[in-house]
Amino acid sequence: MTTTQVGLRLLGALVRCLHTVTLHEVDNAATREAIDALAVLLEGELRNRMAVELQLVGGIPFVAGARLRLGEEHLETVVALRRYLEPLQIQELSFGAGVGREDLGRFLHAFQKHRRSRRPQAILQESLHPIRLDSKVSTPRMATAPEVLVRYYARLVVMLKHVITSQVPVRIERFRRVLQQLADASVGQEALLVGLTRFRRAELDGGQHGAAVAVLTLLMARRLGVARAPQMELALNGLFHDLGRGAAVLGPEQELDRAAHELLARRGPLKTALRLLQRPLLPGQLERMVAAHDCIQHVKGDAHQRPVGMAGRLLAVPCAFDLLTFPAGSHPGLPPDQALRLITHRAGTRFDPRVVRLFTSVAGFYPVGTLVRLSGGQLGVVMDVPASPAMSARPRIRVIQDANRLEADYMVDLAEPGQRLAILASLDSTEHDLNVPHFLFS
């Protein structure tokens, strides 16, 4: 059998075992039958090798370092395996030579015990030889860092969209876990994470808006030097700030309409509060309700207006930027540089000037993934944001079309001394029929 065939059989047999012990004890007849099936499979595979390693990286399954090619009929199995292993923080599960039914039984006993405990990840300290559990992947060739980052971001979008469309109760810990994984995967990949928020949107999608605001807020908090735990809380505030509005977003001209904001101020936070109240109210949830309300308030106002909190000030800028730069109904989105000019113009009234400067230093005046026209006539994609805020309008560009409209592929750093090229304008990638994210990952 091929590696893919073995891997798919292994996935199915393992998920069957894990599912069975969530319903029955390990010595139950149904569990013994599932263990027998897994043992027979492993015995056949371990005749010619020392171990069989199963890895789950960013939700992508690998067997012995080879990525499994999945059909639609296998997706449910992979989702189930991820649901069982992620709370235990298991990324690699290795079955060594000589593994037998008793070894599998001890592993399932441990799984059953730790799955029910308050610290399920403590299973990693169990001695289960010849079965080895690890929170890290030992095989050197796995999914690349960008692939893992994309996978976690996509999962965040899908989870939030499901909550918005299905009206199911919000289980915040699930989102916290994915955000933590995304934050870990984004270290050294911050520019790419900004680029993921620029993916084209075919429809009004509250999931993509919430995820974009969450990761931009996370990167802003990281730039400020905020500790990890508060970073997660601020990112969760960003993720859920718009939950009550669902998929409804504002057009660019409505963004400046006071009446529209007053309407959202009354409806959005109230609906968000009702959704979050479907589970027992915790201090963090109360903070998210306040942040949802704060992010649409003016920074300055009359003496009777209450002050806007830090979370609300941080969320307001990425929220407005994301809404302004993507189409909403019949309203076309603004180019990123125009949206930032509009936000900067409102600094001191609608937005906190310090947060506007912070956001620009993180996202850049032309965010990663922006299609631009250079002064030499070339077309390019913004690939990175300058480290110096003073150079935020001179990012690193990947030129994809030369002045003669011929295909090109080379890098230009506009911040380099003596570089005469400059950005003339940002462009709509749909008008040029270009899939900009392709150039970020190729």
Protein backbone atom coordinates (compact mmCIF):
# COMPACT_ATOMS: atom_id res chain seq x y z
CA MET A 1 0.00 0.00 0.00
CA THR A 2 1.07 3.59 -0.58
CA THR A 3 1.86 5.95 2.31
CA THR A 4 -1.42 7.76 1.71
CA GLN A 5 -3.43 4.53 1.84
CA VAL A 6 -1.69 3.47 5.05
CA GLY A 7 -2.16 6.91 6.56
CA LEU A 8 -5.86 7.03 5.80
CA ARG A 9 -6.41 3.56 7.26
CA LEU A 10 -4.42 4.55 10.34
CA LEU A 11 -6.46 7.75 10.75
CA GLY A 12 -9.72 5.83 10.53
CA ALA A 13 -8.66 3.09 12.98
CA LEU A 14 -7.25 5.58 15.51
CA VAL A 15 -10.29 7.87 15.42
CA ARG A 16 -12.54 4.84 15.87
CA CYS A 17 -10.58 3.90 19.03
CA LEU A 18 -10.64 7.44 20.45
CA HIS A 19 -14.33 7.84 19.69
CA THR A 20 -15.19 4.49 21.27
CA VAL A 21 -13.44 5.27 24.58
CA THR A 22 -15.36 8.56 24.82
CA LEU A 23 -18.48 6.39 25.03
CA HIS A 24 -17.30 3.17 26.71
CA GLU A 25 -14.65 1.86 29.09
CA VAL A 26 -11.45 0.42 27.63
CA ASP A 27 -12.41 -3.15 28.55
CA ASN A 28 -15.74 -2.86 26.74
CA ALA A 29 -16.31 -5.26 23.84
CA ALA A 30 -16.72 -2.43 21.33
CA THR A 31 -13.45 -0.86 22.46
CA ARG A 32 -11.59 -4.18 22.30
CA GLU A 33 -12.82 -4.65 18.73
CA ALA A 34 -11.53 -1.17 17.75
CA ILE A 35 -8.17 -1.86 19.46
CA ASP A 36 -7.82 -5.17 17.60
CA ALA A 37 -8.37 -3.44 14.24
CA LEU A 38 -5.70 -0.80 15.04
CA ALA A 39 -3.25 -3.42 16.36
CA VAL A 40 -3.54 -5.55 13.21
CA LEU A 41 -2.88 -2.50 11.04
CA LEU A 42 0.17 -1.47 13.07
CA GLU A 43 1.60 -4.99 13.16
CA GLY A 44 1.57 -5.08 9.37
CA GLU A 45 3.24 -1.70 9.04
CA LEU A 46 5.88 -2.19 11.73
CA ARG A 47 7.36 -5.32 10.18
CA ASN A 48 9.63 -3.26 7.94
CA ARG A 49 10.16 -0.11 10.00
CA MET A 50 11.03 0.97 13.53
CA ALA A 51 8.04 3.26 14.06
CA VAL A 52 4.96 4.78 12.46
CA GLU A 53 4.64 8.52 13.13
CA LEU A 54 1.36 10.34 12.79
CA GLN A 55 1.61 14.14 12.87
CA LEU A 56 -1.04 16.83 12.92
CA VAL A 57 0.43 20.23 12.00
CA GLY A 58 -2.00 23.11 11.75
CA GLY A 59 -4.78 20.56 11.27
CA ILE A 60 -2.90 18.98 8.32
CA PRO A 61 -2.25 15.22 8.80
CA PHE A 62 1.14 13.66 7.97
CA VAL A 63 2.36 10.07 8.23
CA ALA A 64 6.13 9.60 8.51
CA GLY A 65 6.60 13.18 7.29
CA ALA A 66 4.48 12.72 4.15
CA ARG A 67 1.44 14.92 3.83
CA LEU A 68 -1.76 12.93 3.29
CA ARG A 69 -3.85 13.80 0.27
CA LEU A 70 -7.43 13.88 1.47
CA GLY A 71 -10.70 13.57 -0.35
CA GLU A 72 -13.93 15.08 0.92
CA GLU A 73 -14.87 11.71 2.45
CA HIS A 74 -11.84 11.92 4.77
CA LEU A 75 -12.33 15.45 6.10
CA GLU A 76 -14.72 14.39 8.86
CA THR A 77 -12.15 11.88 10.16
CA VAL A 78 -9.39 14.52 10.24
CA VAL A 79 -11.66 17.01 12.01
CA ALA A 80 -12.52 14.35 14.61
CA LEU A 81 -8.84 13.51 15.19
CA ARG A 82 -8.01 17.19 15.62
CA ARG A 83 -10.87 17.55 18.11
CA TYR A 84 -9.49 14.68 20.20
CA LEU A 85 -5.76 15.52 20.10
CA GLU A 86 -5.63 19.32 20.24
CA PRO A 87 -6.95 19.69 23.83
CA LEU A 88 -4.15 17.30 24.85
CA GLN A 89 -1.64 19.45 22.88
CA ILE A 90 -0.53 16.35 20.96
CA GLN A 91 0.99 17.13 17.57
CA GLU A 92 2.85 13.85 17.06
CA LEU A 93 1.78 10.33 17.96
CA SER A 94 4.38 7.62 17.28
CA PHE A 95 3.79 3.86 17.46
CA GLY A 96 7.11 2.01 17.96
CA ALA A 97 8.06 -1.52 16.98
CA GLY A 98 6.50 -4.21 19.16
CA VAL A 99 3.40 -2.18 20.05
CA GLY A 100 0.60 -4.51 21.08
CA ARG A 101 -2.96 -4.49 22.30
CA GLU A 102 -1.92 -3.93 25.94
CA ASP A 103 0.12 -0.86 24.92
CA LEU A 104 -2.82 0.53 22.97
CA GLY A 105 -5.08 -0.15 25.96
CA ARG A 106 -2.76 1.81 28.29
CA PHE A 107 -2.71 4.70 25.84
CA LEU A 108 -6.51 4.76 25.63
CA HIS A 109 -6.77 4.56 29.44
CA ALA A 110 -4.52 7.62 29.64
CA PHE A 111 -6.51 9.40 26.92
CA GLN A 112 -9.75 8.70 28.75
CA LYS A 113 -8.36 9.90 32.10
CA HIS A 114 -6.70 13.11 30.89
CA ARG A 115 -9.50 14.03 28.54
CA ARG A 116 -11.78 14.35 31.58
CA SER A 117 -9.25 16.22 33.73
CA ARG A 118 -8.77 19.97 34.13
CA ARG A 119 -5.26 19.72 32.65
CA PRO A 120 -5.63 17.33 29.70
CA GLN A 121 -2.15 18.25 28.36
CA ALA A 122 -0.64 16.40 31.35
CA ILE A 123 -0.95 13.25 29.24
CA LEU A 124 2.38 14.31 27.66
CA GLN A 125 4.10 13.36 30.94
CA GLU A 126 2.75 9.79 30.81
CA SER A 127 5.25 7.00 30.08
CA LEU A 128 3.53 4.91 27.41
CA HIS A 129 6.47 3.24 25.64
CA PRO A 130 6.48 2.05 22.83
CA ILE A 131 3.84 4.73 22.11
CA ARG A 132 5.29 8.24 22.20
CA LEU A 133 3.33 11.48 22.49
CA ASP A 134 4.83 14.90 21.75
CA SER A 135 3.65 18.50 21.54
CA LYS A 136 6.24 19.16 18.81
CA VAL A 137 6.94 17.51 15.48
CA SER A 138 10.25 15.66 15.22
CA THR A 139 10.19 14.96 11.49
CA PRO A 140 12.20 17.73 9.80
CA ARG A 141 10.23 18.10 6.55
CA MET A 142 6.72 19.11 7.44
CA ALA A 143 4.33 21.85 6.41
CA THR A 144 6.17 25.11 5.85
CA ALA A 145 5.68 27.99 8.31
CA PRO A 146 3.47 29.90 5.84
CA GLU A 147 1.32 26.78 5.26
CA VAL A 148 0.76 26.35 9.00
CA LEU A 149 -0.05 30.06 9.40
CA VAL A 150 -2.62 29.94 6.60
CA ARG A 151 -4.21 26.84 8.08
CA TYR A 152 -4.68 28.36 11.54
CA TYR A 153 -5.99 31.63 10.11
CA ALA A 154 -8.46 29.80 7.86
CA ARG A 155 -9.65 27.72 10.82
CA LEU A 156 -10.24 30.91 12.82
CA VAL A 157 -12.33 32.39 9.99
CA VAL A 158 -14.38 29.21 9.52
CA MET A 159 -15.05 28.82 13.26
CA LEU A 160 -16.21 32.42 13.62
CA LYS A 161 -18.35 32.26 10.47
CA HIS A 162 -20.00 29.09 11.80
CA VAL A 163 -20.84 30.80 15.09
CA ILE A 164 -22.28 33.82 13.26
CA THR A 165 -24.40 31.85 10.81
CA SER A 166 -25.53 29.02 13.08
CA GLN A 167 -26.29 31.09 16.19
CA VAL A 168 -24.73 28.37 18.36
CA PRO A 169 -23.46 29.33 21.85
CA VAL A 170 -19.97 30.83 21.82
CA ARG A 171 -17.30 28.55 23.32
CA ILE A 172 -14.55 31.08 23.85
CA GLU A 173 -11.87 28.58 24.92
CA ARG A 174 -11.92 26.95 21.47
CA PHE A 175 -11.18 30.30 19.87
CA ARG A 176 -8.53 31.11 22.46
CA ARG A 177 -6.69 27.87 21.67
CA VAL A 178 -6.63 28.55 17.91
CA LEU A 179 -5.56 32.16 18.49
CA GLN A 180 -2.68 30.97 20.67
CA GLN A 181 -1.58 28.54 17.97
CA LEU A 182 -1.86 31.29 15.35
CA ALA A 183 0.13 33.69 17.54
CA ASP A 184 2.92 31.11 17.99
CA ALA A 185 3.01 30.34 14.26
CA SER A 186 3.15 34.05 13.36
CA VAL A 187 6.43 34.81 15.17
CA GLY A 188 8.77 35.97 12.41
CA GLN A 189 5.82 35.83 9.96
CA GLU A 190 4.06 39.04 11.02
CA ALA A 191 4.06 40.59 7.54
CA LEU A 192 2.48 37.46 6.06
CA LEU A 193 -0.19 37.47 8.78
CA VAL A 194 -1.13 41.02 7.78
CA GLY A 195 -1.31 39.81 4.17
CA LEU A 196 -3.80 37.09 5.11
CA THR A 197 -6.27 39.78 6.18
CA ARG A 198 -6.17 41.16 2.61
CA PHE A 199 -7.62 38.06 0.94
CA ARG A 200 -10.34 38.86 -1.55
CA ARG A 201 -13.86 38.44 -0.18
CA ALA A 202 -16.60 37.25 -2.50
CA GLU A 203 -19.38 38.00 -0.04
CA LEU A 204 -20.11 39.89 3.13
CA ASP A 205 -18.38 37.77 5.72
CA GLY A 206 -18.36 38.61 9.40
CA GLY A 207 -15.95 35.73 9.96
CA GLN A 208 -13.21 37.31 7.85
CA HIS A 209 -13.79 40.75 9.36
CA GLY A 210 -13.60 39.47 12.94
CA ALA A 211 -10.49 37.39 12.23
CA ALA A 212 -8.78 40.32 10.50
CA VAL A 213 -9.44 42.68 13.41
CA ALA A 214 -8.29 40.00 15.89
CA VAL A 215 -4.91 39.37 14.25
CA LEU A 216 -4.24 43.06 13.55
CA THR A 217 -5.00 43.84 17.20
CA LEU A 218 -2.73 40.97 18.25
CA LEU A 219 0.15 42.37 16.19
CA MET A 220 -0.43 45.88 17.55
CA ALA A 221 -0.34 44.54 21.13
CA ARG A 222 2.84 42.59 20.31
CA ARG A 223 4.48 45.75 18.92
CA LEU A 224 3.59 47.54 22.17
CA GLY A 225 5.36 44.82 24.16
CA VAL A 226 2.17 43.61 25.87
CA ALA A 227 2.55 40.27 27.70
CA ARG A 228 1.22 37.10 26.05
CA ALA A 229 -1.93 36.66 28.19
CA PRO A 230 -3.20 40.26 27.65
CA GLN A 231 -2.36 39.87 23.95
CA MET A 232 -4.77 36.93 23.76
CA GLU A 233 -7.49 38.85 25.59
CA LEU A 234 -7.17 41.84 23.25
CA ALA A 235 -7.24 39.52 20.22
CA LEU A 236 -10.39 37.82 21.55
CA ASN A 237 -11.96 41.26 22.01
CA GLY A 238 -11.19 41.93 18.36
CA LEU A 239 -12.55 38.55 17.27
CA PHE A 240 -15.90 39.04 18.96
CA HIS A 241 -16.30 42.81 18.79
CA ASP A 242 -18.60 42.55 15.77
CA LEU A 243 -20.41 39.34 16.67
CA GLY A 244 -23.75 41.08 17.16
CA ARG A 245 -23.72 42.64 13.73
CA GLY A 246 -23.29 39.29 12.03
CA ALA A 247 -22.31 39.72 8.39
CA ALA A 248 -23.64 43.29 8.11
CA VAL A 249 -20.90 45.84 7.34
CA LEU A 250 -20.78 49.52 6.47
CA GLY A 251 -19.93 51.10 3.13
CA PRO A 252 -17.19 53.74 3.04
CA GLU A 253 -19.58 56.69 3.06
CA GLN A 254 -21.64 55.15 5.86
CA GLU A 255 -18.46 54.91 7.94
CA LEU A 256 -18.65 58.69 8.34
CA ASP A 257 -22.40 58.76 8.93
CA ARG A 258 -23.14 59.61 12.58
CA ALA A 259 -26.69 58.25 12.41
CA ALA A 260 -25.43 54.86 11.15
CA HIS A 261 -22.93 54.67 14.00
CA GLU A 262 -25.52 55.58 16.59
CA LEU A 263 -27.76 52.80 15.27
CA LEU A 264 -24.91 50.28 15.46
CA ALA A 265 -24.00 51.55 18.92
CA ARG A 266 -27.47 50.61 20.09
CA ARG A 267 -27.82 47.31 18.24
CA GLY A 268 -24.35 45.78 17.79
CA PRO A 269 -23.12 45.65 21.41
CA LEU A 270 -26.56 44.54 22.61
CA LYS A 271 -26.61 41.59 20.20
CA THR A 272 -23.00 40.76 21.04
CA ALA A 273 -23.89 40.77 24.74
CA LEU A 274 -26.85 38.46 24.14
CA ARG A 275 -24.68 36.00 22.19
CA LEU A 276 -21.95 35.95 24.84
CA LEU A 277 -24.54 35.60 27.61
CA GLN A 278 -25.63 32.24 26.23
CA ARG A 279 -22.95 30.82 28.49
CA PRO A 280 -22.16 31.83 32.13
CA LEU A 281 -20.93 35.43 32.31
CA LEU A 282 -17.23 35.78 33.11
CA PRO A 283 -15.20 38.99 33.56
CA GLY A 284 -13.55 38.46 30.18
CA GLN A 285 -16.93 38.30 28.44
CA LEU A 286 -18.04 41.49 30.14
CA GLU A 287 -14.84 43.15 28.92
CA ARG A 288 -15.61 42.04 25.36
CA MET A 289 -19.07 43.60 25.54
CA VAL A 290 -17.55 46.87 26.70
CA ALA A 291 -14.91 46.73 23.96
CA ALA A 292 -17.61 46.11 21.33
CA HIS A 293 -19.35 49.28 22.45
CA ASP A 294 -16.16 51.31 22.86
CA CYS A 295 -14.78 50.61 19.39
CA ILE A 296 -17.56 52.62 17.71
CA GLN A 297 -17.42 55.60 20.08
CA HIS A 298 -15.71 58.92 19.44
CA VAL A 299 -12.50 59.47 21.38
CA LYS A 300 -13.50 63.05 22.23
CA GLY A 301 -16.94 64.39 22.93
CA ASP A 302 -18.96 66.41 25.38
CA ALA A 303 -18.45 66.27 29.11
CA HIS A 304 -21.24 63.73 29.54
CA GLN A 305 -19.63 61.11 27.28
CA ARG A 306 -17.82 58.38 29.19
CA PRO A 307 -14.14 57.76 28.31
CA VAL A 308 -13.30 55.02 25.81
CA GLY A 309 -11.15 52.19 27.20
CA MET A 310 -7.82 50.95 25.85
CA ALA A 311 -9.33 47.86 24.18
CA GLY A 312 -11.92 49.99 22.39
CA ARG A 313 -9.28 52.45 21.19
CA LEU A 314 -7.10 49.64 19.82
CA LEU A 315 -9.98 47.86 18.07
CA ALA A 316 -11.46 50.97 16.49
CA VAL A 317 -8.65 51.53 13.97
CA PRO A 318 -8.26 48.00 12.48
CA CYS A 319 -12.06 47.63 12.49
CA ALA A 320 -12.55 50.85 10.53
CA PHE A 321 -9.65 50.05 8.19
CA ASP A 322 -11.00 46.60 7.34
CA LEU A 323 -14.53 47.90 6.75
CA LEU A 324 -13.29 50.74 4.58
CA THR A 325 -11.05 48.63 2.35
CA PHE A 326 -13.48 45.87 1.41
CA PRO A 327 -16.68 46.15 -0.65
CA ALA A 328 -19.98 46.25 1.22
CA GLY A 329 -23.03 45.63 -0.96
CA SER A 330 -23.00 48.22 -3.74
CA HIS A 331 -20.19 50.20 -2.12
CA PRO A 332 -16.67 49.53 -3.50
CA GLY A 333 -13.88 49.33 -0.99
CA LEU A 334 -11.30 52.10 -0.75
CA PRO A 335 -7.61 51.52 -1.56
CA PRO A 336 -5.63 50.95 1.67
CA ASP A 337 -3.68 54.22 1.44
CA GLN A 338 -6.90 56.22 0.99
CA ALA A 339 -8.50 54.44 3.94
CA LEU A 340 -5.48 55.26 6.13
CA ARG A 341 -5.59 58.90 5.02
CA LEU A 342 -9.25 59.02 5.98
CA ILE A 343 -8.53 57.42 9.38
CA THR A 344 -5.56 59.75 9.97
CA HIS A 345 -7.78 62.74 9.19
CA ARG A 346 -10.14 61.59 11.94
CA ALA A 347 -7.33 61.04 14.48
CA GLY A 348 -8.08 62.98 17.64
CA THR A 349 -11.87 62.81 17.22
CA ARG A 350 -13.02 59.42 15.94
CA PHE A 351 -9.68 57.66 16.58
CA ASP A 352 -6.84 57.87 19.09
CA PRO A 353 -3.82 59.44 17.27
CA ARG A 354 -1.37 57.15 19.10
CA VAL A 355 -3.27 54.06 17.97
CA VAL A 356 -3.36 55.34 14.38
CA ARG A 357 0.44 55.69 14.43
CA LEU A 358 0.79 52.23 16.00
CA PHE A 359 -1.47 50.65 13.38
CA THR A 360 0.46 52.31 10.54
CA SER A 361 3.75 50.99 11.95
CA VAL A 362 2.32 47.45 12.03
CA ALA A 363 0.32 47.35 8.78
CA GLY A 364 2.28 49.99 6.85
CA PHE A 365 0.82 52.75 4.73
CA TYR A 366 0.48 50.10 2.00
CA PRO A 367 -0.29 46.82 3.84
CA VAL A 368 1.23 43.52 2.76
CA GLY A 369 -0.71 42.14 -0.21
CA THR A 370 -1.55 45.55 -1.71
CA LEU A 371 -1.25 45.75 -5.50
CA VAL A 372 0.58 48.97 -6.47
CA ARG A 373 1.73 50.89 -9.54
CA LEU A 374 5.31 52.15 -9.35
CA SER A 375 6.65 55.42 -10.80
CA GLY A 376 8.54 53.41 -13.45
CA GLY A 377 5.30 51.91 -14.74
CA GLN A 378 5.76 48.49 -13.06
CA LEU A 379 3.07 46.57 -11.22
CA GLY A 380 4.02 45.05 -7.88
CA VAL A 381 2.74 43.46 -4.69
CA VAL A 382 3.74 44.77 -1.26
CA MET A 383 5.67 42.02 0.52
CA ASP A 384 6.90 43.61 3.73
CA VAL A 385 6.50 46.68 5.93
CA PRO A 386 9.54 48.89 6.67
CA ALA A 387 10.85 48.66 10.24
CA SER A 388 11.00 52.46 10.52
CA PRO A 389 7.59 54.19 10.74
CA ALA A 390 9.09 57.13 8.85
CA MET A 391 9.49 54.82 5.82
CA SER A 392 6.00 53.29 6.01
CA ALA A 393 5.15 54.55 2.50
CA ARG A 394 8.26 52.86 1.00
CA PRO A 395 7.80 49.08 1.52
CA ARG A 396 9.52 46.13 -0.15
CA ILE A 397 7.81 45.30 -3.46
CA ARG A 398 7.69 42.16 -5.57
CA VAL A 399 7.48 43.37 -9.17
CA ILE A 400 5.18 41.08 -11.17
CA GLN A 401 4.83 43.14 -14.36
CA ASP A 402 7.39 45.44 -15.96
CA ALA A 403 6.80 48.80 -17.63
CA ASN A 404 6.09 47.03 -20.94
CA ARG A 405 3.37 44.91 -19.30
CA LEU A 406 5.48 41.78 -19.56
CA GLU A 407 5.62 39.21 -16.76
CA ALA A 408 8.39 39.87 -14.23
CA ASP A 409 9.54 38.48 -10.89
CA TYR A 410 12.07 40.44 -8.83
CA MET A 411 12.22 42.38 -5.57
CA VAL A 412 12.59 46.13 -5.08
CA ASP A 413 13.12 47.69 -1.64
CA LEU A 414 11.84 51.26 -1.87
CA ALA A 415 13.43 52.09 1.50
CA GLU A 416 16.97 51.49 0.23
CA PRO A 417 19.14 54.63 0.02
CA GLY A 418 19.24 56.01 -3.50
CA GLN A 419 16.16 54.10 -4.65
CA ARG A 420 14.29 56.45 -7.00
CA LEU A 421 11.22 54.32 -7.61
CA ALA A 422 8.13 55.23 -5.60
CA ILE A 423 4.51 54.10 -5.37
CA LEU A 424 2.18 56.11 -7.57
CA ALA A 425 -1.08 54.46 -6.51
CA SER A 426 -2.61 51.34 -5.02
CA LEU A 427 -4.81 49.32 -7.38
CA ASP A 428 -7.79 46.98 -7.25
CA SER A 429 -6.48 43.48 -7.98
CA THR A 430 -9.87 42.36 -9.33
CA GLU A 431 -9.66 44.94 -12.13
CA HIS A 432 -6.31 43.46 -13.18
CA ASP A 433 -7.54 39.86 -12.71
CA LEU A 434 -4.67 39.03 -10.35
CA ASN A 435 -4.74 36.66 -7.42
CA VAL A 436 -2.47 38.68 -5.14
CA PRO A 437 -2.18 36.06 -2.33
CA HIS A 438 -0.52 33.73 -4.84
CA PHE A 439 2.48 36.07 -4.95
CA LEU A 440 2.72 36.16 -1.15
CA PHE A 441 3.20 32.40 -0.89
CA SER A 442 5.09 31.52 -4.07
